[in-house]
Amino acid sequence: MKKSIFILLSLFITVLHCKNQAQPVDNKILSFYRQYSIFTNPGEYELMYANLPDSLAEICKLIKAQLIHPVADLPKYRNLIPPERSYEDLKYPTVLTILAGLKTYNPDGLIINRKPADRLVVSCRYHAILLASILKHRGIPARVRYGFATYLYPKYHIYHVICEVWNGNEKRWILVDPDRQMIDISSQQFEFAGNVWIKNQQGKLDPNTYGVPNWWGSHPILDVLCHDLASVLGTEHTYYNRPPISADTTMNVKNMPINQIDTINKISALMANVDANFNELQKIYNENKQLQFSNP
């Protein structure tokens, strides 16, 4: 246990060091985030991206005109959406299936005046992969991030999925939430799972305020971190797919083997600067089967 605490403290110093030093992003990293993943590839529907708006605000508005969040938005459209369509996350796991579904309801494609009944009822992760896909099509580096939002419900940190988008003019990443149509979100509004894990290990937060209704605590923090790791490495898994290390939703994180805790501590520290530590994060993921998701 002493070894684990020592490693945690050492890595937290590394986190602070990374945060306080602005480092340029390698062009290879930016090129990686311009590429489609299995989940963001639009496939044969890429033509639907022609003539879309230029600004991030307008693109987010357009995405919101295609998708309805099953919790935050659906009550407004309850009388317009059939009951059997109140939750469609399982039906549209990829951008390819999202675009195909939209096309089925209205062949005009991504249109701002799409009727509510012709939209898909899917959660935040699906908004994020669609935004990332559109931006990648334009050659703009983008990556999907899994973390916790403080702006969705007072006093709680809600499991949420947004995008990190490269601002070429300012040479920095900005956080964009296409689901709530928010641009350049602060680190106080959206907390990366790695930072949350470290603070939780240090006893600096109440884990019971992190997660979603009926699923709060250290396990959501661990699980969201695993999703965020896989996502920055190029695969934006659905939230219902979990790696072995967090597959048991009844597990007590405090009872995890020390070597696993040490690994998660290290990952959390390295993810304070994904760009600089990308290769090391990839190596850790490749060498630890407990972190690896099953095939999409």
C-alpha atoms as a PDB file:
ATOM      1  CA  MET A   1       0.000   0.000   0.000  1.00  0.00           C
ATOM      2  CA  LYS A   2       2.874   2.404   0.802  1.00  0.00           C
ATOM      3  CA  LYS A   3       4.292   1.829  -2.667  1.00  0.00           C
ATOM      4  CA  SER A   4       0.926   2.679  -4.223  1.00  0.00           C
ATOM      5  CA  ILE A   5       0.630   5.916  -2.213  1.00  0.00           C
ATOM      6  CA  PHE A   6       4.202   6.912  -3.122  1.00  0.00           C
ATOM      7  CA  ILE A   7       3.553   6.316  -6.816  1.00  0.00           C
ATOM      8  CA  LEU A   8       0.293   8.255  -6.623  1.00  0.00           C
ATOM      9  CA  LEU A   9       1.996  11.282  -5.041  1.00  0.00           C
ATOM     10  CA  SER A  10       4.854  11.171  -7.539  1.00  0.00           C
ATOM     11  CA  LEU A  11       2.471  10.982 -10.447  1.00  0.00           C
ATOM     12  CA  PHE A  12       0.345  13.818  -9.083  1.00  0.00           C
ATOM     13  CA  ILE A  13       3.456  16.003  -9.143  1.00  0.00           C
ATOM     14  CA  THR A  14       3.856  14.966 -12.762  1.00  0.00           C
ATOM     15  CA  VAL A  15       0.257  16.028 -13.425  1.00  0.00           C
ATOM     16  CA  LEU A  16       0.905  19.474 -11.972  1.00  0.00           C
ATOM     17  CA  HIS A  17       4.114  19.760 -13.973  1.00  0.00           C
ATOM     18  CA  CYS A  18       2.265  18.881 -17.205  1.00  0.00           C
ATOM     19  CA  LYS A  19      -0.496  21.368 -16.463  1.00  0.00           C
ATOM     20  CA  ASN A  20       1.924  24.212 -15.822  1.00  0.00           C
ATOM     21  CA  GLN A  21       3.938  23.677 -18.976  1.00  0.00           C
ATOM     22  CA  ALA A  22       2.458  24.542 -22.347  1.00  0.00           C
ATOM     23  CA  GLN A  23       3.882  22.124 -24.855  1.00  0.00           C
ATOM     24  CA  PRO A  24       3.544  22.172 -28.650  1.00  0.00           C
ATOM     25  CA  VAL A  25       1.546  19.347 -30.202  1.00  0.00           C
ATOM     26  CA  ASP A  26       3.380  17.098 -32.644  1.00  0.00           C
ATOM     27  CA  ASN A  27       1.962  17.145 -36.169  1.00  0.00           C
ATOM     28  CA  LYS A  28       1.790  13.328 -36.077  1.00  0.00           C
ATOM     29  CA  ILE A  29      -0.602  13.548 -33.148  1.00  0.00           C
ATOM     30  CA  LEU A  30      -2.781  16.075 -34.952  1.00  0.00           C
ATOM     31  CA  SER A  31      -2.759  13.898 -38.066  1.00  0.00           C
ATOM     32  CA  PHE A  32      -3.910  10.923 -35.984  1.00  0.00           C
ATOM     33  CA  TYR A  33      -6.937  12.854 -34.742  1.00  0.00           C
ATOM     34  CA  ARG A  34      -7.847  13.853 -38.281  1.00  0.00           C
ATOM     35  CA  GLN A  35      -8.417  10.208 -39.160  1.00  0.00           C
ATOM     36  CA  TYR A  36     -11.764   8.437 -38.855  1.00  0.00           C
ATOM     37  CA  SER A  37     -12.089   5.661 -36.296  1.00  0.00           C
ATOM     38  CA  ILE A  38     -14.318   2.596 -36.512  1.00  0.00           C
ATOM     39  CA  PHE A  39     -17.041   4.594 -34.788  1.00  0.00           C
ATOM     40  CA  THR A  40     -16.639   7.968 -36.543  1.00  0.00           C
ATOM     41  CA  ASN A  41     -16.266   6.720 -40.114  1.00  0.00           C
ATOM     42  CA  PRO A  42     -19.337   7.855 -42.140  1.00  0.00           C
ATOM     43  CA  GLY A  43     -18.590   5.354 -44.914  1.00  0.00           C
ATOM     44  CA  GLU A  44     -20.886   5.651 -47.904  1.00  0.00           C
ATOM     45  CA  TYR A  45     -22.780   8.514 -46.239  1.00  0.00           C
ATOM     46  CA  GLU A  46     -19.831  10.926 -46.250  1.00  0.00           C
ATOM     47  CA  LEU A  47     -21.568  12.836 -49.064  1.00  0.00           C
ATOM     48  CA  MET A  48     -24.052  14.013 -46.426  1.00  0.00           C
ATOM     49  CA  TYR A  49     -21.292  16.285 -45.091  1.00  0.00           C
ATOM     50  CA  ALA A  50     -21.307  18.467 -48.214  1.00  0.00           C
ATOM     51  CA  ASN A  51     -22.400  22.091 -47.765  1.00  0.00           C
ATOM     52  CA  LEU A  52     -22.681  21.998 -43.983  1.00  0.00           C
ATOM     53  CA  PRO A  53     -22.230  25.200 -41.916  1.00  0.00           C
ATOM     54  CA  ASP A  54     -18.709  26.438 -41.206  1.00  0.00           C
ATOM     55  CA  SER A  55     -18.860  27.549 -37.573  1.00  0.00           C
ATOM     56  CA  LEU A  56     -18.773  25.200 -34.598  1.00  0.00           C
ATOM     57  CA  ALA A  57     -21.893  26.835 -33.192  1.00  0.00           C
ATOM     58  CA  GLU A  58     -23.856  26.203 -36.384  1.00  0.00           C
ATOM     59  CA  ILE A  59     -22.599  22.620 -36.667  1.00  0.00           C
ATOM     60  CA  CYS A  60     -23.648  21.907 -33.076  1.00  0.00           C
ATOM     61  CA  LYS A  61     -27.048  23.449 -33.800  1.00  0.00           C
ATOM     62  CA  LEU A  62     -27.396  21.233 -36.858  1.00  0.00           C
ATOM     63  CA  ILE A  63     -26.455  18.096 -34.898  1.00  0.00           C
ATOM     64  CA  LYS A  64     -29.038  18.989 -32.281  1.00  0.00           C
ATOM     65  CA  ALA A  65     -31.627  19.176 -35.069  1.00  0.00           C
ATOM     66  CA  GLN A  66     -30.882  15.516 -35.907  1.00  0.00           C
ATOM     67  CA  LEU A  67     -30.715  13.959 -32.439  1.00  0.00           C
ATOM     68  CA  ILE A  68     -32.849  13.963 -29.300  1.00  0.00           C
ATOM     69  CA  HIS A  69     -31.320  13.160 -25.926  1.00  0.00           C
ATOM     70  CA  PRO A  70     -33.472  10.458 -24.240  1.00  0.00           C
ATOM     71  CA  VAL A  71     -33.373  12.193 -20.831  1.00  0.00           C
ATOM     72  CA  ALA A  72     -32.735  15.911 -21.354  1.00  0.00           C
ATOM     73  CA  ASP A  73     -34.765  16.416 -24.558  1.00  0.00           C
ATOM     74  CA  LEU A  74     -37.336  13.668 -24.993  1.00  0.00           C
ATOM     75  CA  PRO A  75     -39.951  15.076 -22.564  1.00  0.00           C
ATOM     76  CA  LYS A  76     -40.381  18.047 -24.935  1.00  0.00           C
ATOM     77  CA  TYR A  77     -41.215  15.686 -27.802  1.00  0.00           C
ATOM     78  CA  ARG A  78     -43.033  12.936 -25.921  1.00  0.00           C
ATOM     79  CA  ASN A  79     -46.221  13.256 -27.946  1.00  0.00           C
ATOM     80  CA  LEU A  80     -44.299  13.217 -31.235  1.00  0.00           C
ATOM     81  CA  ILE A  81     -42.088  10.156 -30.661  1.00  0.00           C
ATOM     82  CA  PRO A  82     -43.547   6.624 -30.469  1.00  0.00           C
ATOM     83  CA  PRO A  83     -42.988   4.981 -27.045  1.00  0.00           C
ATOM     84  CA  GLU A  84     -40.905   2.194 -28.585  1.00  0.00           C
ATOM     85  CA  ARG A  85     -38.417   4.804 -29.786  1.00  0.00           C
ATOM     86  CA  SER A  86     -37.695   6.367 -26.390  1.00  0.00           C
ATOM     87  CA  TYR A  87     -34.154   4.938 -26.289  1.00  0.00           C
ATOM     88  CA  GLU A  88     -32.165   4.091 -29.440  1.00  0.00           C
ATOM     89  CA  ASP A  89     -28.525   4.006 -28.297  1.00  0.00           C
ATOM     90  CA  LEU A  90     -28.231   0.282 -29.006  1.00  0.00           C
ATOM     91  CA  LYS A  91     -29.505   0.724 -32.546  1.00  0.00           C
ATOM     92  CA  TYR A  92     -27.007   3.346 -33.716  1.00  0.00           C
ATOM     93  CA  PRO A  93     -23.531   2.633 -32.244  1.00  0.00           C
ATOM     94  CA  THR A  94     -21.558   4.236 -35.101  1.00  0.00           C
ATOM     95  CA  VAL A  95     -21.743   7.371 -37.207  1.00  0.00           C
ATOM     96  CA  LEU A  96     -22.404   5.137 -40.200  1.00  0.00           C
ATOM     97  CA  THR A  97     -25.537   3.730 -38.570  1.00  0.00           C
ATOM     98  CA  ILE A  98     -26.573   7.192 -37.311  1.00  0.00           C
ATOM     99  CA  LEU A  99     -26.415   8.673 -40.811  1.00  0.00           C
ATOM    100  CA  ALA A 100     -28.176   5.646 -42.291  1.00  0.00           C
ATOM    101  CA  GLY A 101     -30.953   5.991 -39.720  1.00  0.00           C
ATOM    102  CA  LEU A 102     -31.401   9.687 -40.402  1.00  0.00           C
ATOM    103  CA  LYS A 103     -31.485   9.017 -44.125  1.00  0.00           C
ATOM    104  CA  THR A 104     -34.198   6.403 -43.631  1.00  0.00           C
ATOM    105  CA  TYR A 105     -36.480   8.867 -41.877  1.00  0.00           C
ATOM    106  CA  ASN A 106     -35.725  11.756 -44.253  1.00  0.00           C
ATOM    107  CA  PRO A 107     -33.610  11.316 -47.397  1.00  0.00           C
ATOM    108  CA  ASP A 108     -32.685  15.009 -47.431  1.00  0.00           C
ATOM    109  CA  GLY A 109     -29.883  14.232 -44.971  1.00  0.00           C
ATOM    110  CA  LEU A 110     -28.516  16.614 -42.329  1.00  0.00           C
ATOM    111  CA  ILE A 111     -31.123  19.360 -42.450  1.00  0.00           C
ATOM    112  CA  ILE A 112     -31.862  22.038 -39.879  1.00  0.00           C
ATOM    113  CA  ASN A 113     -35.658  21.675 -40.222  1.00  0.00           C
ATOM    114  CA  ARG A 114     -35.789  17.924 -39.600  1.00  0.00           C
ATOM    115  CA  LYS A 115     -39.048  16.999 -37.878  1.00  0.00           C
ATOM    116  CA  PRO A 116     -38.744  15.611 -34.326  1.00  0.00           C
ATOM    117  CA  ALA A 117     -40.301  12.307 -35.418  1.00  0.00           C
ATOM    118  CA  ASP A 118     -37.534  11.965 -38.019  1.00  0.00           C
ATOM    119  CA  ARG A 119     -34.711  12.394 -35.483  1.00  0.00           C
ATOM    120  CA  LEU A 120     -32.885   9.701 -33.523  1.00  0.00           C
ATOM    121  CA  VAL A 121     -33.253   9.378 -29.744  1.00  0.00           C
ATOM    122  CA  VAL A 122     -29.664   8.922 -28.571  1.00  0.00           C
ATOM    123  CA  SER A 123     -27.471  10.158 -25.729  1.00  0.00           C
ATOM    124  CA  CYS A 124     -24.467  12.493 -25.511  1.00  0.00           C
ATOM    125  CA  ARG A 125     -21.873  10.067 -26.837  1.00  0.00           C
ATOM    126  CA  TYR A 126     -23.691   9.866 -30.159  1.00  0.00           C
ATOM    127  CA  HIS A 127     -23.783  13.652 -30.511  1.00  0.00           C
ATOM    128  CA  ALA A 128     -20.024  13.689 -29.840  1.00  0.00           C
ATOM    129  CA  ILE A 129     -19.036  11.046 -32.383  1.00  0.00           C
ATOM    130  CA  LEU A 130     -21.104  12.802 -35.061  1.00  0.00           C
ATOM    131  CA  LEU A 131     -19.388  16.139 -34.372  1.00  0.00           C
ATOM    132  CA  ALA A 132     -15.966  14.469 -34.382  1.00  0.00           C
ATOM    133  CA  SER A 133     -16.770  12.770 -37.672  1.00  0.00           C
ATOM    134  CA  ILE A 134     -17.860  16.007 -39.376  1.00  0.00           C
ATOM    135  CA  LEU A 135     -14.737  17.818 -38.176  1.00  0.00           C
ATOM    136  CA  LYS A 136     -12.401  15.009 -39.228  1.00  0.00           C
ATOM    137  CA  HIS A 137     -14.011  15.162 -42.685  1.00  0.00           C
ATOM    138  CA  ARG A 138     -12.848  18.778 -42.816  1.00  0.00           C
ATOM    139  CA  GLY A 139      -9.347  17.926 -41.716  1.00  0.00           C
ATOM    140  CA  ILE A 140      -9.829  19.362 -38.220  1.00  0.00           C
ATOM    141  CA  PRO A 141      -8.299  17.239 -35.428  1.00  0.00           C
ATOM    142  CA  ALA A 142     -10.969  16.102 -32.988  1.00  0.00           C
ATOM    143  CA  ARG A 143     -11.216  13.470 -30.264  1.00  0.00           C
ATOM    144  CA  VAL A 144     -14.105  12.297 -28.131  1.00  0.00           C
ATOM    145  CA  ARG A 145     -13.654  12.702 -24.375  1.00  0.00           C
ATOM    146  CA  TYR A 146     -15.456  10.853 -21.588  1.00  0.00           C
ATOM    147  CA  GLY A 147     -15.645  12.680 -18.269  1.00  0.00           C
ATOM    148  CA  PHE A 148     -17.931  14.464 -15.835  1.00  0.00           C
ATOM    149  CA  ALA A 149     -19.956  17.633 -16.424  1.00  0.00           C
ATOM    150  CA  THR A 150     -20.799  20.012 -13.607  1.00  0.00           C
ATOM    151  CA  TYR A 151     -23.358  22.012 -15.623  1.00  0.00           C
ATOM    152  CA  LEU A 152     -26.035  19.361 -16.092  1.00  0.00           C
ATOM    153  CA  TYR A 153     -27.369  18.947 -12.561  1.00  0.00           C
ATOM    154  CA  PRO A 154     -26.628  21.137  -9.515  1.00  0.00           C
ATOM    155  CA  LYS A 155     -24.054  19.760  -7.042  1.00  0.00           C
ATOM    156  CA  TYR A 156     -23.499  16.607  -9.122  1.00  0.00           C
ATOM    157  CA  HIS A 157     -20.831  15.616 -11.636  1.00  0.00           C
ATOM    158  CA  ILE A 158     -22.687  13.797 -14.375  1.00  0.00           C
ATOM    159  CA  TYR A 159     -21.052  11.204 -16.637  1.00  0.00           C
ATOM    160  CA  HIS A 160     -20.943  12.992 -19.971  1.00  0.00           C
ATOM    161  CA  VAL A 161     -19.280  12.674 -23.374  1.00  0.00           C
ATOM    162  CA  ILE A 162     -18.143  15.661 -25.422  1.00  0.00           C
ATOM    163  CA  CYS A 163     -15.477  16.568 -27.998  1.00  0.00           C
ATOM    164  CA  GLU A 164     -12.013  18.039 -27.766  1.00  0.00           C
ATOM    165  CA  VAL A 165     -11.384  20.080 -30.911  1.00  0.00           C
ATOM    166  CA  TRP A 166      -8.112  21.529 -32.148  1.00  0.00           C
ATOM    167  CA  ASN A 167      -8.230  25.316 -32.549  1.00  0.00           C
ATOM    168  CA  GLY A 168      -5.670  25.869 -35.300  1.00  0.00           C
ATOM    169  CA  ASN A 169      -5.593  29.640 -34.874  1.00  0.00           C
ATOM    170  CA  GLU A 170      -4.840  29.526 -31.159  1.00  0.00           C
ATOM    171  CA  LYS A 171      -2.875  26.260 -31.267  1.00  0.00           C
ATOM    172  CA  ARG A 172      -4.838  24.669 -28.432  1.00  0.00           C
ATOM    173  CA  TRP A 173      -7.553  22.120 -27.753  1.00  0.00           C
ATOM    174  CA  ILE A 174     -11.008  23.404 -26.842  1.00  0.00           C
ATOM    175  CA  LEU A 175     -13.877  21.464 -25.302  1.00  0.00           C
ATOM    176  CA  VAL A 176     -17.136  21.405 -27.268  1.00  0.00           C
ATOM    177  CA  ASP A 177     -20.434  19.888 -26.139  1.00  0.00           C
ATOM    178  CA  PRO A 178     -22.647  19.393 -29.219  1.00  0.00           C
ATOM    179  CA  ASP A 179     -25.441  17.881 -27.106  1.00  0.00           C
ATOM    180  CA  ARG A 180     -25.843  21.028 -24.985  1.00  0.00           C
ATOM    181  CA  GLN A 181     -24.426  23.310 -27.732  1.00  0.00           C
ATOM    182  CA  MET A 182     -21.597  24.682 -25.584  1.00  0.00           C
ATOM    183  CA  ILE A 183     -18.227  25.757 -26.988  1.00  0.00           C
ATOM    184  CA  ASP A 184     -14.874  26.250 -25.239  1.00  0.00           C
ATOM    185  CA  ILE A 185     -15.983  24.735 -21.949  1.00  0.00           C
ATOM    186  CA  SER A 186     -13.682  25.217 -18.966  1.00  0.00           C
ATOM    187  CA  SER A 187     -11.951  22.451 -17.007  1.00  0.00           C
ATOM    188  CA  GLN A 188     -14.218  23.329 -14.077  1.00  0.00           C
ATOM    189  CA  GLN A 189     -17.295  22.652 -16.194  1.00  0.00           C
ATOM    190  CA  PHE A 190     -16.001  19.379 -17.622  1.00  0.00           C
ATOM    191  CA  GLU A 191     -13.644  17.241 -15.543  1.00  0.00           C
ATOM    192  CA  PHE A 192     -11.438  14.665 -17.236  1.00  0.00           C
ATOM    193  CA  ALA A 193     -11.771  11.242 -15.668  1.00  0.00           C
ATOM    194  CA  GLY A 194      -8.032  10.970 -14.996  1.00  0.00           C
ATOM    195  CA  ASN A 195      -8.034  14.088 -12.829  1.00  0.00           C
ATOM    196  CA  VAL A 196     -11.119  12.860 -11.002  1.00  0.00           C
ATOM    197  CA  TRP A 197      -9.507   9.475 -10.315  1.00  0.00           C
ATOM    198  CA  ILE A 198      -6.427  11.092  -8.760  1.00  0.00           C
ATOM    199  CA  LYS A 199      -8.497  13.417  -6.565  1.00  0.00           C
ATOM    200  CA  ASN A 200     -10.640  10.506  -5.474  1.00  0.00           C
ATOM    201  CA  GLN A 201      -7.555   8.491  -4.534  1.00  0.00           C
ATOM    202  CA  GLN A 202      -6.369  11.429  -2.460  1.00  0.00           C
ATOM    203  CA  GLY A 203      -9.731  11.822  -0.747  1.00  0.00           C
ATOM    204  CA  LYS A 204     -10.272  15.283  -2.210  1.00  0.00           C
ATOM    205  CA  LEU A 205     -13.800  14.707  -3.522  1.00  0.00           C
ATOM    206  CA  ASP A 206     -17.014  12.898  -2.735  1.00  0.00           C
ATOM    207  CA  PRO A 207     -17.233  10.033  -5.242  1.00  0.00           C
ATOM    208  CA  ASN A 208     -20.946   9.659  -4.522  1.00  0.00           C
ATOM    209  CA  THR A 209     -21.554  12.856  -6.512  1.00  0.00           C
ATOM    210  CA  TYR A 210     -19.972  11.344  -9.651  1.00  0.00           C
ATOM    211  CA  GLY A 211     -21.847   9.194 -12.160  1.00  0.00           C
ATOM    212  CA  VAL A 212     -25.490   9.092 -13.185  1.00  0.00           C
ATOM    213  CA  PRO A 213     -28.696   8.335 -11.226  1.00  0.00           C
ATOM    214  CA  ASN A 214     -28.559   4.828  -9.728  1.00  0.00           C
ATOM    215  CA  TRP A 215     -24.836   4.593 -10.522  1.00  0.00           C
ATOM    216  CA  TRP A 216     -22.650   6.836  -8.375  1.00  0.00           C
ATOM    217  CA  GLY A 217     -19.224   6.395  -6.831  1.00  0.00           C
ATOM    218  CA  SER A 218     -15.732   5.137  -7.534  1.00  0.00           C
ATOM    219  CA  HIS A 219     -16.806   2.529 -10.059  1.00  0.00           C
ATOM    220  CA  PRO A 220     -18.206   5.088 -12.532  1.00  0.00           C
ATOM    221  CA  ILE A 221     -14.975   7.068 -12.156  1.00  0.00           C
ATOM    222  CA  LEU A 222     -12.913   3.989 -13.027  1.00  0.00           C
ATOM    223  CA  ASP A 223     -15.179   2.998 -15.901  1.00  0.00           C
ATOM    224  CA  VAL A 224     -15.308   6.477 -17.442  1.00  0.00           C
ATOM    225  CA  LEU A 225     -11.516   6.679 -17.220  1.00  0.00           C
ATOM    226  CA  CYS A 226     -11.202   3.386 -19.125  1.00  0.00           C
ATOM    227  CA  HIS A 227     -13.533   4.701 -21.836  1.00  0.00           C
ATOM    228  CA  ASP A 228     -11.619   7.969 -22.065  1.00  0.00           C
ATOM    229  CA  LEU A 229      -8.311   6.118 -22.421  1.00  0.00           C
ATOM    230  CA  ALA A 230      -9.624   3.967 -25.264  1.00  0.00           C
ATOM    231  CA  SER A 231     -11.165   7.009 -26.905  1.00  0.00           C
ATOM    232  CA  VAL A 232      -8.026   9.158 -26.987  1.00  0.00           C
ATOM    233  CA  LEU A 233      -6.234   6.119 -28.414  1.00  0.00           C
ATOM    234  CA  GLY A 234      -8.745   6.023 -31.254  1.00  0.00           C
ATOM    235  CA  THR A 235     -11.792   3.934 -30.305  1.00  0.00           C
ATOM    236  CA  GLU A 236     -14.890   5.612 -28.856  1.00  0.00           C
ATOM    237  CA  HIS A 237     -16.657   2.628 -27.298  1.00  0.00           C
ATOM    238  CA  THR A 238     -20.288   2.687 -26.269  1.00  0.00           C
ATOM    239  CA  TYR A 239     -20.829   3.155 -22.549  1.00  0.00           C
ATOM    240  CA  TYR A 240     -22.481  -0.272 -22.218  1.00  0.00           C
ATOM    241  CA  ASN A 241     -19.302  -1.992 -23.429  1.00  0.00           C
ATOM    242  CA  ARG A 242     -16.762  -2.297 -20.610  1.00  0.00           C
ATOM    243  CA  PRO A 243     -13.218  -3.658 -20.296  1.00  0.00           C
ATOM    244  CA  PRO A 244     -12.546  -6.496 -17.821  1.00  0.00           C
ATOM    245  CA  ILE A 245     -11.131  -4.154 -15.159  1.00  0.00           C
ATOM    246  CA  SER A 246     -14.496  -2.386 -14.745  1.00  0.00           C
ATOM    247  CA  ALA A 247     -16.903  -5.008 -16.108  1.00  0.00           C
ATOM    248  CA  ASP A 248     -18.334  -5.888 -12.683  1.00  0.00           C
ATOM    249  CA  THR A 249     -20.625  -2.979 -11.809  1.00  0.00           C
ATOM    250  CA  THR A 250     -20.932  -4.264  -8.228  1.00  0.00           C
ATOM    251  CA  MET A 251     -17.178  -4.238  -7.629  1.00  0.00           C
ATOM    252  CA  ASN A 252     -15.573  -2.305  -4.779  1.00  0.00           C
ATOM    253  CA  VAL A 253     -12.763  -0.259  -6.312  1.00  0.00           C
ATOM    254  CA  LYS A 254     -10.984  -0.182  -2.960  1.00  0.00           C
ATOM    255  CA  ASN A 255     -10.490  -3.942  -3.253  1.00  0.00           C
ATOM    256  CA  MET A 256      -8.703  -3.774  -6.601  1.00  0.00           C
ATOM    257  CA  PRO A 257      -5.251  -5.407  -6.660  1.00  0.00           C
ATOM    258  CA  ILE A 258      -2.445  -2.949  -5.909  1.00  0.00           C
ATOM    259  CA  ASN A 259      -0.832  -3.490  -9.297  1.00  0.00           C
ATOM    260  CA  GLN A 260      -4.085  -2.503 -11.039  1.00  0.00           C
ATOM    261  CA  ILE A 261      -4.457   0.596  -8.900  1.00  0.00           C
ATOM    262  CA  ASP A 262      -0.859   1.566  -9.664  1.00  0.00           C
ATOM    263  CA  THR A 263      -1.544   1.150 -13.384  1.00  0.00           C
ATOM    264  CA  ILE A 264      -4.675   3.313 -13.226  1.00  0.00           C
ATOM    265  CA  ASN A 265      -2.758   5.914 -11.188  1.00  0.00           C
ATOM    266  CA  LYS A 266      -0.079   6.043 -13.865  1.00  0.00           C
ATOM    267  CA  ILE A 267      -2.604   6.290 -16.692  1.00  0.00           C
ATOM    268  CA  SER A 268      -4.405   9.108 -14.901  1.00  0.00           C
ATOM    269  CA  ALA A 269      -1.202  11.111 -14.530  1.00  0.00           C
ATOM    270  CA  LEU A 270      -0.153  10.538 -18.138  1.00  0.00           C
ATOM    271  CA  MET A 271      -3.553  11.610 -19.418  1.00  0.00           C
ATOM    272  CA  ALA A 272      -2.976  15.085 -18.015  1.00  0.00           C
ATOM    273  CA  ASN A 273      -1.075  15.533 -21.284  1.00  0.00           C
ATOM    274  CA  VAL A 274      -2.396  13.028 -23.800  1.00  0.00           C
ATOM    275  CA  ASP A 275      -0.415  14.492 -26.691  1.00  0.00           C
ATOM    276  CA  ALA A 276       2.983  14.225 -25.010  1.00  0.00           C
ATOM    277  CA  ASN A 277       2.257  10.805 -23.523  1.00  0.00           C
ATOM    278  CA  PHE A 278       0.300   9.192 -26.361  1.00  0.00           C
ATOM    279  CA  ASN A 279       2.854   6.457 -27.118  1.00  0.00           C
ATOM    280  CA  GLU A 280       3.252   5.481 -23.480  1.00  0.00           C
ATOM    281  CA  LEU A 281      -0.513   5.354 -22.995  1.00  0.00           C
ATOM    282  CA  GLN A 282      -0.812   3.139 -26.064  1.00  0.00           C
ATOM    283  CA  LYS A 283       1.905   0.850 -24.718  1.00  0.00           C
ATOM    284  CA  ILE A 284       0.178   0.486 -21.349  1.00  0.00           C
ATOM    285  CA  TYR A 285      -3.134  -0.272 -23.034  1.00  0.00           C
ATOM    286  CA  ASN A 286      -1.596  -2.869 -25.341  1.00  0.00           C
ATOM    287  CA  GLU A 287       0.182  -4.623 -22.486  1.00  0.00           C
ATOM    288  CA  ASN A 288      -2.806  -4.812 -20.104  1.00  0.00           C
ATOM    289  CA  LYS A 289      -5.648  -7.094 -21.180  1.00  0.00           C
ATOM    290  CA  GLN A 290      -7.713  -5.876 -18.244  1.00  0.00           C
ATOM    291  CA  LEU A 291      -7.946  -2.472 -19.929  1.00  0.00           C
ATOM    292  CA  GLN A 292      -8.840  -3.754 -23.374  1.00  0.00           C
ATOM    293  CA  PHE A 293     -12.368  -3.603 -24.681  1.00  0.00           C
ATOM    294  CA  SER A 294     -13.884  -6.381 -26.740  1.00  0.00           C
ATOM    295  CA  ASN A 295     -14.230  -5.718 -30.458  1.00  0.00           C
ATOM    296  CA  PRO A 296     -16.764  -3.010 -31.313  1.00  0.00           C
END
